Amino acid sequence: MPVFEHSDRLPHPVAVVFDFFRRPANIVAVSPDWLRLELLEAPAVVEVGSLIHVRTRRWGLARVIVTEVTALENERRIVERQREGPFRAWEHVREFTACDEGCEVRERIDVQTPGGMLGLILTPASVQQELERAYRERRPRLLAALAQSAPGESG
C-alpha cells in the first residue's frame, strides 16, 4: 500500500492548530481550488465516529467521499478512514506535537489505489504527485487561515 508523508511546522500553539484541524470546514477551505472540494455534511467539530461527506469533481467524475474519524486524542492525533470513495482504502493520520516554531503537524496517508478503469488514472505515482502538489499549495492557505483564526497568537 503506497504511503504519503508530510510535515508542517506552524507558528501557533498545538491547541490552536489541533482545534483548526478538528473542523472539517477548515480543511476544505485551505484545500487547493483545483481539488474542487465541497463539504456536504459534517459536524462543526469532529469526534470519534464523526462522518465527513465531501464532494469532489476530479478525473472527469463527480464523487462523494465519506470518511470516518476512527481515533482522536485531544491535541495529539486525528485518524480518518475512507468509508466510501474512489480508493480501495485510505487512512489519514494527523499527529500534532509542540516544536520551537509552535506546532508540528505530521501527516501520513496510507492509500490503496482503485482497480478497473479508475485505477489506470489513479496510479500510486499519480496519487503521490497530486498529494505533493496539494500539500505544497495548501501551506500558504493554511498559514493565512490560522493567522485569521488566532490573530496575535504565536508559538
Protein backbone atom coordinates (compact mmCIF):
# COMPACT_ATOMS: atom_id res chain seq x y z
CA MET A 1 0.00 0.00 0.00
CA PRO A 2 1.54 3.36 -1.02
CA VAL A 3 2.29 5.81 1.80
CA PHE A 4 2.46 9.60 1.60
CA GLU A 5 4.06 11.55 4.45
CA HIS A 6 4.13 15.28 5.01
CA SER A 7 5.21 17.54 7.85
CA ASP A 8 4.46 21.22 8.50
CA ARG A 9 5.80 23.46 11.25
CA LEU A 10 3.28 26.16 12.05
CA PRO A 11 3.78 29.28 14.20
CA HIS A 12 0.83 28.58 16.52
CA PRO A 13 0.36 26.55 19.70
CA VAL A 14 -0.69 22.92 19.41
CA ALA A 15 -4.13 23.69 20.90
CA VAL A 16 -4.89 26.24 18.17
CA VAL A 17 -3.67 24.03 15.32
CA PHE A 18 -5.43 20.93 16.65
CA ASP A 19 -8.71 22.83 17.01
CA PHE A 20 -8.35 24.11 13.44
CA PHE A 21 -7.89 20.57 12.07
CA ARG A 22 -10.89 19.22 14.03
CA ARG A 23 -13.16 21.42 11.92
CA PRO A 24 -13.91 19.85 8.50
CA ALA A 25 -14.94 23.21 7.03
CA ASN A 26 -11.41 24.47 7.69
CA ILE A 27 -9.82 21.53 5.87
CA VAL A 28 -11.97 22.17 2.80
CA ALA A 29 -11.29 25.92 2.96
CA VAL A 30 -7.49 25.51 2.84
CA SER A 31 -7.54 22.85 0.11
CA PRO A 32 -6.39 23.99 -3.33
CA ASP A 33 -9.22 25.12 -5.62
CA TRP A 34 -8.37 22.53 -8.28
CA LEU A 35 -9.43 19.75 -5.89
CA ARG A 36 -12.95 21.21 -6.14
CA LEU A 37 -13.92 20.04 -2.64
CA GLU A 38 -17.39 20.83 -1.33
CA LEU A 39 -18.36 19.95 2.22
CA LEU A 40 -21.78 18.29 2.06
CA GLU A 41 -22.26 17.10 5.63
CA ALA A 42 -20.13 17.01 8.77
CA PRO A 43 -20.25 18.17 12.36
CA ALA A 44 -18.71 21.55 13.12
CA VAL A 45 -16.09 19.77 15.26
CA VAL A 46 -15.28 16.09 14.80
CA GLU A 47 -15.23 13.39 17.46
CA VAL A 48 -14.58 9.66 17.18
CA GLY A 49 -17.29 8.24 14.93
CA SER A 50 -17.94 11.52 13.08
CA LEU A 51 -18.67 11.12 9.38
CA ILE A 52 -17.49 13.71 6.87
CA HIS A 53 -19.17 13.83 3.44
CA VAL A 54 -17.27 15.74 0.75
CA ARG A 55 -17.96 16.04 -2.97
CA THR A 56 -15.13 16.43 -5.44
CA ARG A 57 -15.00 16.62 -9.20
CA ARG A 58 -11.74 15.13 -10.37
CA TRP A 59 -10.62 13.00 -13.26
CA GLY A 60 -13.83 13.90 -15.09
CA LEU A 61 -16.00 12.38 -12.38
CA ALA A 62 -18.09 13.82 -9.56
CA ARG A 63 -17.60 11.68 -6.45
CA VAL A 64 -18.81 11.78 -2.89
CA ILE A 65 -16.16 10.73 -0.42
CA VAL A 66 -17.19 9.72 3.09
CA THR A 67 -14.57 9.46 5.81
CA GLU A 68 -14.99 8.47 9.43
CA VAL A 69 -12.94 9.72 12.36
CA THR A 70 -11.74 6.44 13.86
CA ALA A 71 -9.39 7.83 16.52
CA LEU A 72 -8.93 11.16 18.25
CA GLU A 73 -6.55 12.00 21.06
CA ASN A 74 -7.00 15.59 22.21
CA GLU A 75 -4.20 17.85 20.93
CA ARG A 76 -2.24 14.79 19.76
CA ARG A 77 -3.82 12.77 16.95
CA ILE A 78 -6.72 12.52 14.50
CA VAL A 79 -7.27 9.45 12.30
CA GLU A 80 -9.76 9.29 9.40
CA ARG A 81 -10.60 6.32 7.20
CA GLN A 82 -12.47 6.38 3.92
CA ARG A 83 -15.84 4.63 4.15
CA GLU A 84 -16.98 5.49 0.61
CA GLY A 85 -14.94 6.87 -2.25
CA PRO A 86 -12.64 6.17 -5.13
CA PHE A 87 -9.90 4.29 -3.28
CA ARG A 88 -9.86 0.69 -2.12
CA ALA A 89 -8.51 2.01 1.18
CA TRP A 90 -7.49 5.42 2.54
CA GLU A 91 -6.31 6.18 6.06
CA HIS A 92 -5.17 9.69 7.03
CA VAL A 93 -3.31 10.15 10.31
CA ARG A 94 -2.50 13.62 11.64
CA GLU A 95 -0.20 13.96 14.65
CA PHE A 96 0.41 17.22 16.49
CA THR A 97 3.49 17.99 18.61
CA ALA A 98 4.98 21.13 20.10
CA CYS A 99 8.14 22.41 18.44
CA ASP A 100 10.28 25.55 18.60
CA GLU A 101 8.14 27.23 15.91
CA GLY A 102 4.87 26.33 17.65
CA CYS A 103 3.30 23.13 16.35
CA GLU A 104 4.50 20.41 14.02
CA VAL A 105 1.76 18.56 12.14
CA ARG A 106 2.91 15.21 10.76
CA GLU A 107 0.51 13.63 8.30
CA ARG A 108 0.58 10.12 6.90
CA ILE A 109 -1.78 8.82 4.25
CA ASP A 110 -1.89 5.10 3.54
CA VAL A 111 -3.73 4.57 0.28
CA GLN A 112 -4.68 1.59 -1.80
CA THR A 113 -5.46 2.76 -5.32
CA PRO A 114 -8.60 1.57 -7.10
CA GLY A 115 -8.79 -1.14 -9.70
CA GLY A 116 -10.62 -1.03 -13.01
CA MET A 117 -10.60 1.94 -15.34
CA LEU A 118 -10.16 4.46 -12.49
CA GLY A 119 -7.04 2.56 -11.44
CA LEU A 120 -5.47 3.46 -14.79
CA ILE A 121 -5.72 7.15 -13.79
CA LEU A 122 -5.20 6.85 -10.03
CA THR A 123 -1.91 5.01 -10.01
CA PRO A 124 0.32 5.11 -6.92
CA ALA A 125 2.64 7.55 -8.75
CA SER A 126 -0.18 9.89 -9.81
CA VAL A 127 -1.70 9.91 -6.31
CA GLN A 128 1.73 10.71 -4.83
CA GLN A 129 2.20 13.59 -7.29
CA GLU A 130 -1.25 15.03 -6.60
CA LEU A 131 -0.78 14.81 -2.83
CA GLU A 132 2.63 16.51 -3.06
CA ARG A 133 1.13 19.32 -5.15
CA ALA A 134 -1.93 19.70 -2.90
CA TYR A 135 0.15 19.93 0.29
CA ARG A 136 2.61 22.35 -1.29
CA GLU A 137 -0.26 24.60 -2.37
CA ARG A 138 -2.12 24.17 0.92
CA ARG A 139 0.67 25.62 3.08
CA PRO A 140 0.16 29.36 2.33
CA ARG A 141 -3.60 28.96 2.64
CA LEU A 142 -3.18 27.12 5.95
CA LEU A 143 -0.86 29.79 7.35
CA ALA A 144 -3.28 32.56 6.35
CA ALA A 145 -6.30 30.75 7.79
CA LEU A 146 -4.52 30.02 11.07
CA ALA A 147 -3.43 33.66 11.34
CA GLN A 148 -7.08 34.71 10.94
CA SER A 149 -8.42 32.11 13.38
CA ALA A 150 -5.89 33.05 16.07
CA PRO A 151 -4.83 36.68 15.47
CA GLY A 152 -1.90 37.73 17.60
CA GLU A 153 -1.40 34.13 18.78
CA SER A 154 2.02 32.63 18.03
CA GLY A 155 4.23 29.89 19.32
